[in-house]
Amino acid sequence: MFKITKISYQYDKTKPLYSYNMEVKPQEIVAILGQSGSGKSTLLDIIAGFITPCGGSLTLDDKEIVLLNVEQRPMSILFQKHNLFEHLSVQKNILLGVSKVLKDSIKEVEKVQAILKEVGLEAYEHTIASELSGGQQQRVALARVLIRREPILLLDEPFQD
């Protein structure tokens, strides 16, 4: 179970104080809806560890994670902008989700091929990212976060483009 308890954040004293409480069960899908500027991306940034809350608690299976560094948190995030390396192939972009050194062992390449099949892009494995449509690029970015198989997957407007 993932729990957000009294997490709060304020950009500065002139801005509103955001406050969040939520419980998410394993395998549960939750959508956070609201107008622009209502704090949806702020909440995702807090969960991911990009910004530090003013107070509160984030727990996964009763273990506090609010003080963990970004790279130690058991999650993957898909940003509003897909952040692909336009000069790299689809395969290499997805491999970056697994390793910073683009390790392309047989096992890793098989993982990439399986995830590409899941997102319907198996024919584009060796295509350069800049040659893809915006929607295809977004699916590559989604594949890159899915390949990590973290227990928490954060999607910030994943179907925008």
N, C-alpha and C. Protein backbone atom coordinates (compact mmCIF):
# COMPACT_ATOMS: atom_id res chain seq x y z
N MET A 1 0.85 -1.18 0.00
CA MET A 1 0.00 0.00 0.00
C MET A 1 0.89 1.24 0.00
N PHE A 2 0.52 2.19 -0.82
CA PHE A 2 1.22 3.48 -0.89
C PHE A 2 0.34 4.52 -0.22
N LYS A 3 0.91 5.22 0.76
CA LYS A 3 0.13 6.21 1.52
C LYS A 3 0.79 7.58 1.48
N ILE A 4 -0.03 8.56 1.21
CA ILE A 4 0.38 9.97 1.29
C ILE A 4 -0.40 10.54 2.46
N THR A 5 0.32 11.00 3.47
CA THR A 5 -0.32 11.49 4.68
C THR A 5 0.13 12.90 5.00
N LYS A 6 -0.79 13.83 4.91
CA LYS A 6 -0.55 15.23 5.26
C LYS A 6 0.69 15.82 4.58
N ILE A 7 0.93 15.41 3.34
CA ILE A 7 2.04 16.00 2.56
C ILE A 7 1.62 17.41 2.16
N SER A 8 2.48 18.37 2.41
CA SER A 8 2.16 19.76 2.06
C SER A 8 3.34 20.40 1.36
N TYR A 9 3.00 21.40 0.56
CA TYR A 9 4.04 22.13 -0.18
C TYR A 9 3.53 23.52 -0.51
N GLN A 10 4.42 24.50 -0.42
CA GLN A 10 4.08 25.87 -0.80
C GLN A 10 5.28 26.47 -1.52
N TYR A 11 5.06 26.93 -2.74
CA TYR A 11 6.15 27.50 -3.53
C TYR A 11 6.73 28.75 -2.87
N ASP A 12 5.87 29.61 -2.41
CA ASP A 12 6.28 30.76 -1.59
C ASP A 12 5.04 31.26 -0.86
N LYS A 13 5.21 32.21 0.02
CA LYS A 13 4.10 32.65 0.89
C LYS A 13 2.95 33.30 0.13
N THR A 14 3.20 33.73 -1.12
CA THR A 14 2.13 34.35 -1.89
C THR A 14 1.30 33.32 -2.66
N LYS A 15 1.77 32.09 -2.69
CA LYS A 15 1.08 31.02 -3.43
C LYS A 15 0.27 30.17 -2.46
N PRO A 16 -0.71 29.43 -2.98
CA PRO A 16 -1.50 28.57 -2.09
C PRO A 16 -0.67 27.41 -1.53
N LEU A 17 -1.08 26.95 -0.36
CA LEU A 17 -0.47 25.76 0.25
C LEU A 17 -1.18 24.55 -0.31
N TYR A 18 -0.41 23.65 -0.93
CA TYR A 18 -0.97 22.40 -1.42
C TYR A 18 -0.88 21.38 -0.29
N SER A 19 -1.92 20.59 -0.11
CA SER A 19 -1.93 19.56 0.92
C SER A 19 -2.58 18.31 0.34
N TYR A 20 -1.96 17.16 0.61
CA TYR A 20 -2.41 15.91 -0.02
C TYR A 20 -2.52 14.78 1.00
N ASN A 21 -3.54 13.95 0.82
CA ASN A 21 -3.73 12.70 1.55
C ASN A 21 -4.30 11.70 0.55
N MET A 22 -3.77 10.48 0.58
CA MET A 22 -4.24 9.47 -0.36
C MET A 22 -3.72 8.10 0.06
N GLU A 23 -4.48 7.07 -0.26
CA GLU A 23 -4.03 5.69 -0.11
C GLU A 23 -4.25 4.99 -1.44
N VAL A 24 -3.23 4.27 -1.89
CA VAL A 24 -3.32 3.54 -3.15
C VAL A 24 -2.94 2.09 -2.89
N LYS A 25 -3.85 1.20 -3.22
CA LYS A 25 -3.61 -0.23 -3.01
C LYS A 25 -2.74 -0.79 -4.14
N PRO A 26 -2.06 -1.91 -3.91
CA PRO A 26 -1.27 -2.53 -4.99
C PRO A 26 -2.14 -2.82 -6.21
N GLN A 27 -1.61 -2.57 -7.38
CA GLN A 27 -2.27 -2.77 -8.67
C GLN A 27 -3.41 -1.78 -8.94
N GLU A 28 -3.65 -0.85 -8.03
CA GLU A 28 -4.71 0.13 -8.22
C GLU A 28 -4.23 1.24 -9.14
N ILE A 29 -5.11 1.72 -9.98
CA ILE A 29 -4.81 2.83 -10.88
C ILE A 29 -5.57 4.04 -10.37
N VAL A 30 -4.86 5.14 -10.18
CA VAL A 30 -5.46 6.36 -9.66
C VAL A 30 -5.20 7.49 -10.64
N ALA A 31 -6.23 8.26 -10.93
CA ALA A 31 -6.09 9.45 -11.76
C ALA A 31 -6.26 10.67 -10.87
N ILE A 32 -5.38 11.63 -11.03
CA ILE A 32 -5.48 12.88 -10.29
C ILE A 32 -5.93 13.94 -11.28
N LEU A 33 -7.10 14.48 -11.04
CA LEU A 33 -7.70 15.43 -11.96
C LEU A 33 -7.75 16.82 -11.33
N GLY A 34 -7.64 17.82 -12.15
CA GLY A 34 -7.75 19.19 -11.67
C GLY A 34 -7.36 20.16 -12.77
N GLN A 35 -7.67 21.42 -12.53
CA GLN A 35 -7.33 22.46 -13.49
C GLN A 35 -5.82 22.68 -13.52
N SER A 36 -5.37 23.37 -14.55
CA SER A 36 -3.97 23.78 -14.62
C SER A 36 -3.64 24.60 -13.38
N GLY A 37 -2.51 24.32 -12.77
CA GLY A 37 -2.09 25.07 -11.59
C GLY A 37 -2.69 24.57 -10.29
N SER A 38 -3.42 23.45 -10.33
CA SER A 38 -4.06 22.97 -9.10
C SER A 38 -3.16 22.08 -8.26
N GLY A 39 -1.95 21.75 -8.76
CA GLY A 39 -0.99 21.00 -7.95
C GLY A 39 -0.78 19.56 -8.35
N LYS A 40 -1.30 19.13 -9.49
CA LYS A 40 -1.13 17.74 -9.92
C LYS A 40 0.34 17.40 -10.15
N SER A 41 1.02 18.20 -10.94
CA SER A 41 2.44 17.95 -11.21
C SER A 41 3.29 18.14 -9.95
N THR A 42 2.89 19.08 -9.11
CA THR A 42 3.59 19.29 -7.84
C THR A 42 3.54 18.02 -7.00
N LEU A 43 2.37 17.40 -6.93
CA LEU A 43 2.25 16.15 -6.17
C LEU A 43 3.16 15.07 -6.75
N LEU A 44 3.16 14.92 -8.06
CA LEU A 44 4.04 13.92 -8.68
C LEU A 44 5.50 14.22 -8.40
N ASP A 45 5.88 15.50 -8.44
CA ASP A 45 7.27 15.89 -8.15
C ASP A 45 7.65 15.58 -6.70
N ILE A 46 6.70 15.74 -5.79
CA ILE A 46 6.96 15.39 -4.38
C ILE A 46 7.13 13.88 -4.25
N ILE A 47 6.22 13.12 -4.84
CA ILE A 47 6.30 11.65 -4.76
C ILE A 47 7.61 11.16 -5.35
N ALA A 48 8.00 11.72 -6.50
CA ALA A 48 9.24 11.29 -7.17
C ALA A 48 10.49 11.75 -6.44
N GLY A 49 10.36 12.79 -5.60
CA GLY A 49 11.52 13.28 -4.87
C GLY A 49 12.21 14.47 -5.49
N PHE A 50 11.59 15.07 -6.51
CA PHE A 50 12.20 16.22 -7.16
C PHE A 50 12.08 17.49 -6.33
N ILE A 51 11.03 17.55 -5.51
CA ILE A 51 10.89 18.66 -4.57
C ILE A 51 10.58 18.09 -3.19
N THR A 52 11.03 18.80 -2.17
CA THR A 52 10.86 18.35 -0.79
C THR A 52 9.62 19.00 -0.19
N PRO A 53 8.74 18.19 0.37
CA PRO A 53 7.53 18.77 0.97
C PRO A 53 7.85 19.54 2.24
N CYS A 54 6.93 20.41 2.64
CA CYS A 54 7.06 21.16 3.90
C CYS A 54 6.84 20.24 5.09
N GLY A 55 6.06 19.20 4.89
CA GLY A 55 5.78 18.26 5.96
C GLY A 55 4.98 17.10 5.43
N GLY A 56 4.78 16.10 6.28
CA GLY A 56 3.97 14.95 5.92
C GLY A 56 4.80 13.71 5.68
N SER A 57 4.13 12.67 5.20
CA SER A 57 4.74 11.35 5.09
C SER A 57 4.34 10.67 3.79
N LEU A 58 5.29 9.96 3.19
CA LEU A 58 5.04 9.08 2.05
C LEU A 58 5.52 7.69 2.46
N THR A 59 4.64 6.71 2.45
CA THR A 59 5.07 5.36 2.82
C THR A 59 4.66 4.37 1.75
N LEU A 60 5.51 3.40 1.53
CA LEU A 60 5.24 2.27 0.65
C LEU A 60 5.42 1.03 1.49
N ASP A 61 4.35 0.27 1.64
CA ASP A 61 4.38 -0.93 2.49
C ASP A 61 4.92 -0.62 3.88
N ASP A 62 4.43 0.47 4.45
CA ASP A 62 4.78 0.94 5.80
C ASP A 62 6.23 1.39 5.96
N LYS A 63 6.96 1.58 4.86
CA LYS A 63 8.33 2.10 4.91
C LYS A 63 8.32 3.55 4.43
N GLU A 64 8.85 4.45 5.24
CA GLU A 64 8.90 5.87 4.90
C GLU A 64 9.87 6.07 3.73
N ILE A 65 9.41 6.80 2.70
CA ILE A 65 10.28 7.06 1.55
C ILE A 65 10.49 8.54 1.30
N VAL A 66 9.86 9.41 2.09
CA VAL A 66 9.92 10.85 1.82
C VAL A 66 11.35 11.39 1.86
N LEU A 67 12.24 10.79 2.63
CA LEU A 67 13.61 11.29 2.72
C LEU A 67 14.58 10.58 1.77
N LEU A 68 14.09 9.61 1.00
CA LEU A 68 14.97 8.91 0.05
C LEU A 68 15.31 9.83 -1.11
N ASN A 69 16.53 9.69 -1.63
CA ASN A 69 16.93 10.41 -2.83
C ASN A 69 16.11 9.91 -4.02
N VAL A 70 16.04 10.70 -5.06
CA VAL A 70 15.27 10.37 -6.26
C VAL A 70 15.62 8.96 -6.76
N GLU A 71 16.91 8.68 -6.90
CA GLU A 71 17.33 7.40 -7.48
C GLU A 71 17.06 6.21 -6.57
N GLN A 72 16.76 6.45 -5.30
CA GLN A 72 16.47 5.36 -4.37
C GLN A 72 14.98 5.06 -4.28
N ARG A 73 14.16 5.90 -4.84
CA ARG A 73 12.71 5.71 -4.72
C ARG A 73 12.23 4.62 -5.68
N PRO A 74 11.31 3.78 -5.21
CA PRO A 74 10.83 2.64 -6.01
C PRO A 74 9.76 3.05 -7.01
N MET A 75 10.13 3.91 -7.95
CA MET A 75 9.15 4.42 -8.90
C MET A 75 9.82 4.88 -10.18
N SER A 76 8.99 5.00 -11.20
CA SER A 76 9.38 5.57 -12.48
C SER A 76 8.39 6.67 -12.80
N ILE A 77 8.85 7.68 -13.53
CA ILE A 77 7.96 8.79 -13.88
C ILE A 77 8.06 9.08 -15.38
N LEU A 78 6.91 9.29 -15.98
CA LEU A 78 6.82 9.73 -17.36
C LEU A 78 6.40 11.19 -17.31
N PHE A 79 7.26 12.07 -17.78
CA PHE A 79 7.03 13.51 -17.72
C PHE A 79 6.07 13.97 -18.82
N GLN A 80 5.57 15.20 -18.67
CA GLN A 80 4.69 15.77 -19.69
C GLN A 80 5.40 15.80 -21.04
N LYS A 81 6.65 16.16 -21.02
CA LYS A 81 7.47 16.13 -22.24
C LYS A 81 8.28 14.85 -22.19
N HIS A 82 8.29 14.11 -23.26
CA HIS A 82 8.84 12.75 -23.24
C HIS A 82 10.35 12.66 -23.03
N ASN A 83 11.10 13.72 -23.25
CA ASN A 83 12.53 13.75 -22.96
C ASN A 83 13.33 12.62 -23.62
N LEU A 84 13.05 12.35 -24.86
CA LEU A 84 13.84 11.36 -25.59
C LEU A 84 15.11 11.99 -26.12
N PHE A 85 16.10 11.14 -26.36
CA PHE A 85 17.32 11.58 -27.03
C PHE A 85 17.05 11.38 -28.52
N GLU A 86 16.79 12.50 -29.20
CA GLU A 86 16.31 12.47 -30.58
C GLU A 86 17.29 11.79 -31.54
N HIS A 87 18.59 11.78 -31.23
CA HIS A 87 19.60 11.21 -32.12
C HIS A 87 19.83 9.72 -31.89
N LEU A 88 19.19 9.15 -30.85
CA LEU A 88 19.35 7.73 -30.55
C LEU A 88 18.18 6.93 -31.08
N SER A 89 18.41 5.65 -31.28
CA SER A 89 17.35 4.76 -31.74
C SER A 89 16.33 4.54 -30.63
N VAL A 90 15.19 4.01 -31.01
CA VAL A 90 14.15 3.65 -30.05
C VAL A 90 14.74 2.68 -29.02
N GLN A 91 15.46 1.68 -29.49
CA GLN A 91 16.07 0.70 -28.59
C GLN A 91 16.99 1.37 -27.56
N LYS A 92 17.86 2.25 -28.02
CA LYS A 92 18.80 2.92 -27.11
C LYS A 92 18.07 3.81 -26.11
N ASN A 93 17.02 4.51 -26.56
CA ASN A 93 16.24 5.34 -25.65
C ASN A 93 15.61 4.50 -24.55
N ILE A 94 15.10 3.34 -24.90
CA ILE A 94 14.48 2.47 -23.90
C ILE A 94 15.54 1.86 -22.99
N LEU A 95 16.67 1.49 -23.53
CA LEU A 95 17.76 0.93 -22.71
C LEU A 95 18.21 1.91 -21.63
N LEU A 96 18.06 3.21 -21.89
CA LEU A 96 18.40 4.21 -20.87
C LEU A 96 17.53 4.08 -19.63
N GLY A 97 16.37 3.47 -19.76
CA GLY A 97 15.52 3.20 -18.61
C GLY A 97 16.08 2.12 -17.71
N VAL A 98 16.98 1.30 -18.25
CA VAL A 98 17.57 0.19 -17.51
C VAL A 98 18.97 0.52 -17.04
N SER A 99 19.74 1.23 -17.88
CA SER A 99 21.14 1.48 -17.57
C SER A 99 21.60 2.78 -18.22
N LYS A 100 22.43 3.53 -17.50
CA LYS A 100 22.96 4.77 -18.05
C LYS A 100 24.06 4.53 -19.08
N VAL A 101 24.56 3.30 -19.15
CA VAL A 101 25.67 3.01 -20.07
C VAL A 101 25.20 2.29 -21.33
N LEU A 102 23.88 2.27 -21.55
CA LEU A 102 23.30 1.65 -22.75
C LEU A 102 23.77 0.22 -22.95
N LYS A 103 23.77 -0.54 -21.87
CA LYS A 103 24.15 -1.96 -21.92
C LYS A 103 23.15 -2.67 -22.81
N ASP A 104 23.63 -3.29 -23.87
CA ASP A 104 22.73 -3.97 -24.78
C ASP A 104 23.02 -5.47 -24.85
N SER A 105 23.02 -6.10 -23.69
CA SER A 105 23.19 -7.55 -23.63
C SER A 105 21.97 -8.20 -24.26
N ILE A 106 22.08 -9.46 -24.57
CA ILE A 106 20.96 -10.19 -25.17
C ILE A 106 19.73 -10.10 -24.27
N LYS A 107 19.94 -10.25 -22.97
CA LYS A 107 18.83 -10.18 -22.01
C LYS A 107 18.15 -8.82 -22.05
N GLU A 108 18.94 -7.74 -22.08
CA GLU A 108 18.37 -6.39 -22.10
C GLU A 108 17.65 -6.12 -23.42
N VAL A 109 18.22 -6.55 -24.53
CA VAL A 109 17.58 -6.35 -25.83
C VAL A 109 16.26 -7.12 -25.88
N GLU A 110 16.23 -8.32 -25.32
CA GLU A 110 14.98 -9.08 -25.27
C GLU A 110 13.92 -8.35 -24.45
N LYS A 111 14.33 -7.72 -23.35
CA LYS A 111 13.39 -6.92 -22.55
C LYS A 111 12.84 -5.77 -23.38
N VAL A 112 13.72 -5.09 -24.13
CA VAL A 112 13.29 -3.98 -24.98
C VAL A 112 12.29 -4.47 -26.02
N GLN A 113 12.60 -5.58 -26.65
CA GLN A 113 11.70 -6.11 -27.68
C GLN A 113 10.33 -6.47 -27.09
N ALA A 114 10.32 -7.03 -25.89
CA ALA A 114 9.04 -7.38 -25.24
C ALA A 114 8.23 -6.13 -24.91
N ILE A 115 8.90 -5.11 -24.40
CA ILE A 115 8.19 -3.89 -24.03
C ILE A 115 7.70 -3.14 -25.28
N LEU A 116 8.48 -3.19 -26.35
CA LEU A 116 8.05 -2.57 -27.60
C LEU A 116 6.78 -3.24 -28.13
N LYS A 117 6.70 -4.55 -27.96
CA LYS A 117 5.49 -5.26 -28.38
C LYS A 117 4.30 -4.79 -27.54
N GLU A 118 4.51 -4.58 -26.24
CA GLU A 118 3.45 -4.12 -25.36
C GLU A 118 2.88 -2.77 -25.80
N VAL A 119 3.75 -1.88 -26.29
CA VAL A 119 3.29 -0.54 -26.69
C VAL A 119 3.04 -0.42 -28.19
N GLY A 120 3.14 -1.55 -28.92
CA GLY A 120 2.81 -1.57 -30.34
C GLY A 120 3.84 -0.92 -31.24
N LEU A 121 5.12 -0.95 -30.83
CA LEU A 121 6.16 -0.32 -31.65
C LEU A 121 7.29 -1.28 -32.03
N GLU A 122 6.99 -2.59 -32.05
CA GLU A 122 8.07 -3.55 -32.31
C GLU A 122 8.77 -3.34 -33.65
N ALA A 123 8.10 -2.77 -34.62
CA ALA A 123 8.71 -2.54 -35.93
C ALA A 123 9.66 -1.34 -35.94
N TYR A 124 9.72 -0.58 -34.84
CA TYR A 124 10.49 0.66 -34.81
C TYR A 124 11.74 0.59 -33.92
N GLU A 125 12.13 -0.59 -33.53
CA GLU A 125 13.24 -0.76 -32.58
C GLU A 125 14.51 -0.01 -32.99
N HIS A 126 14.83 -0.02 -34.26
CA HIS A 126 16.09 0.60 -34.71
C HIS A 126 15.88 1.96 -35.39
N THR A 127 14.69 2.50 -35.28
CA THR A 127 14.38 3.81 -35.85
C THR A 127 14.91 4.91 -34.93
N ILE A 128 15.45 5.96 -35.52
CA ILE A 128 15.93 7.11 -34.75
C ILE A 128 14.70 7.85 -34.21
N ALA A 129 14.76 8.24 -32.96
CA ALA A 129 13.61 8.84 -32.27
C ALA A 129 13.05 10.05 -33.01
N SER A 130 13.90 10.87 -33.61
CA SER A 130 13.42 12.08 -34.29
C SER A 130 12.58 11.76 -35.53
N GLU A 131 12.65 10.53 -36.01
CA GLU A 131 11.88 10.13 -37.19
C GLU A 131 10.46 9.65 -36.85
N LEU A 132 10.15 9.57 -35.57
CA LEU A 132 8.85 9.09 -35.13
C LEU A 132 7.85 10.24 -35.01
N SER A 133 6.59 9.90 -35.07
CA SER A 133 5.54 10.91 -34.81
C SER A 133 5.54 11.24 -33.32
N GLY A 134 4.85 12.31 -32.94
CA GLY A 134 4.77 12.69 -31.54
C GLY A 134 4.16 11.60 -30.68
N GLY A 135 3.11 10.95 -31.16
CA GLY A 135 2.47 9.87 -30.42
C GLY A 135 3.38 8.67 -30.26
N GLN A 136 4.13 8.35 -31.33
CA GLN A 136 5.08 7.23 -31.24
C GLN A 136 6.20 7.55 -30.25
N GLN A 137 6.67 8.79 -30.25
CA GLN A 137 7.71 9.18 -29.29
C GLN A 137 7.19 9.05 -27.86
N GLN A 138 5.94 9.42 -27.65
CA GLN A 138 5.36 9.30 -26.31
C GLN A 138 5.29 7.83 -25.89
N ARG A 139 4.98 6.95 -26.82
CA ARG A 139 4.95 5.51 -26.49
C ARG A 139 6.34 4.97 -26.20
N VAL A 140 7.36 5.49 -26.87
CA VAL A 140 8.74 5.10 -26.56
C VAL A 140 9.09 5.54 -25.13
N ALA A 141 8.71 6.76 -24.79
CA ALA A 141 8.96 7.25 -23.43
C ALA A 141 8.20 6.39 -22.41
N LEU A 142 6.99 5.99 -22.73
CA LEU A 142 6.23 5.10 -21.85
C LEU A 142 6.93 3.75 -21.72
N ALA A 143 7.41 3.22 -22.82
CA ALA A 143 8.14 1.94 -22.78
C ALA A 143 9.38 2.05 -21.89
N ARG A 144 10.04 3.19 -21.95
CA ARG A 144 11.26 3.40 -21.14
C ARG A 144 10.95 3.35 -19.64
N VAL A 145 9.80 3.86 -19.22
CA VAL A 145 9.47 3.77 -17.80
C VAL A 145 8.88 2.40 -17.44
N LEU A 146 8.15 1.79 -18.36
CA LEU A 146 7.57 0.48 -18.09
C LEU A 146 8.63 -0.61 -17.93
N ILE A 147 9.72 -0.50 -18.66
CA ILE A 147 10.75 -1.54 -18.63
C ILE A 147 11.40 -1.67 -17.25
N ARG A 148 11.32 -0.62 -16.46
CA ARG A 148 11.93 -0.65 -15.13
C ARG A 148 11.14 -1.50 -14.14
N ARG A 149 9.85 -1.68 -14.40
CA ARG A 149 8.99 -2.52 -13.56
C ARG A 149 9.03 -2.14 -12.08
N GLU A 150 9.01 -0.84 -11.83
CA GLU A 150 8.97 -0.34 -10.45
C GLU A 150 7.55 -0.48 -9.90
N PRO A 151 7.39 -0.56 -8.58
CA PRO A 151 6.05 -0.72 -8.02
C PRO A 151 5.15 0.50 -8.18
N ILE A 152 5.74 1.68 -8.36
CA ILE A 152 4.94 2.90 -8.55
C ILE A 152 5.32 3.51 -9.90
N LEU A 153 4.31 3.77 -10.70
CA LEU A 153 4.49 4.39 -12.01
C LEU A 153 3.72 5.70 -12.01
N LEU A 154 4.43 6.81 -12.17
CA LEU A 154 3.82 8.14 -12.19
C LEU A 154 3.77 8.63 -13.63
N LEU A 155 2.59 9.01 -14.08
CA LEU A 155 2.42 9.49 -15.45
C LEU A 155 1.88 10.90 -15.41
N ASP A 156 2.64 11.87 -15.87
CA ASP A 156 2.23 13.26 -15.87
C ASP A 156 1.74 13.63 -17.26
N GLU A 157 0.45 13.62 -17.45
CA GLU A 157 -0.20 13.87 -18.73
C GLU A 157 0.41 13.00 -19.85
N PRO A 158 0.32 11.66 -19.69
CA PRO A 158 1.01 10.75 -20.60
C PRO A 158 0.46 10.68 -22.00
N PHE A 159 -0.77 11.13 -22.22
CA PHE A 159 -1.38 10.99 -23.53
C PHE A 159 -1.54 12.33 -24.23
N GLN A 160 -0.79 13.31 -23.75
CA GLN A 160 -0.82 14.65 -24.34
C GLN A 160 0.14 14.65 -25.52
N ASP A 161 -0.24 15.28 -26.59
CA ASP A 161 0.64 15.52 -27.75
C ASP A 161 -0.14 15.68 -29.00
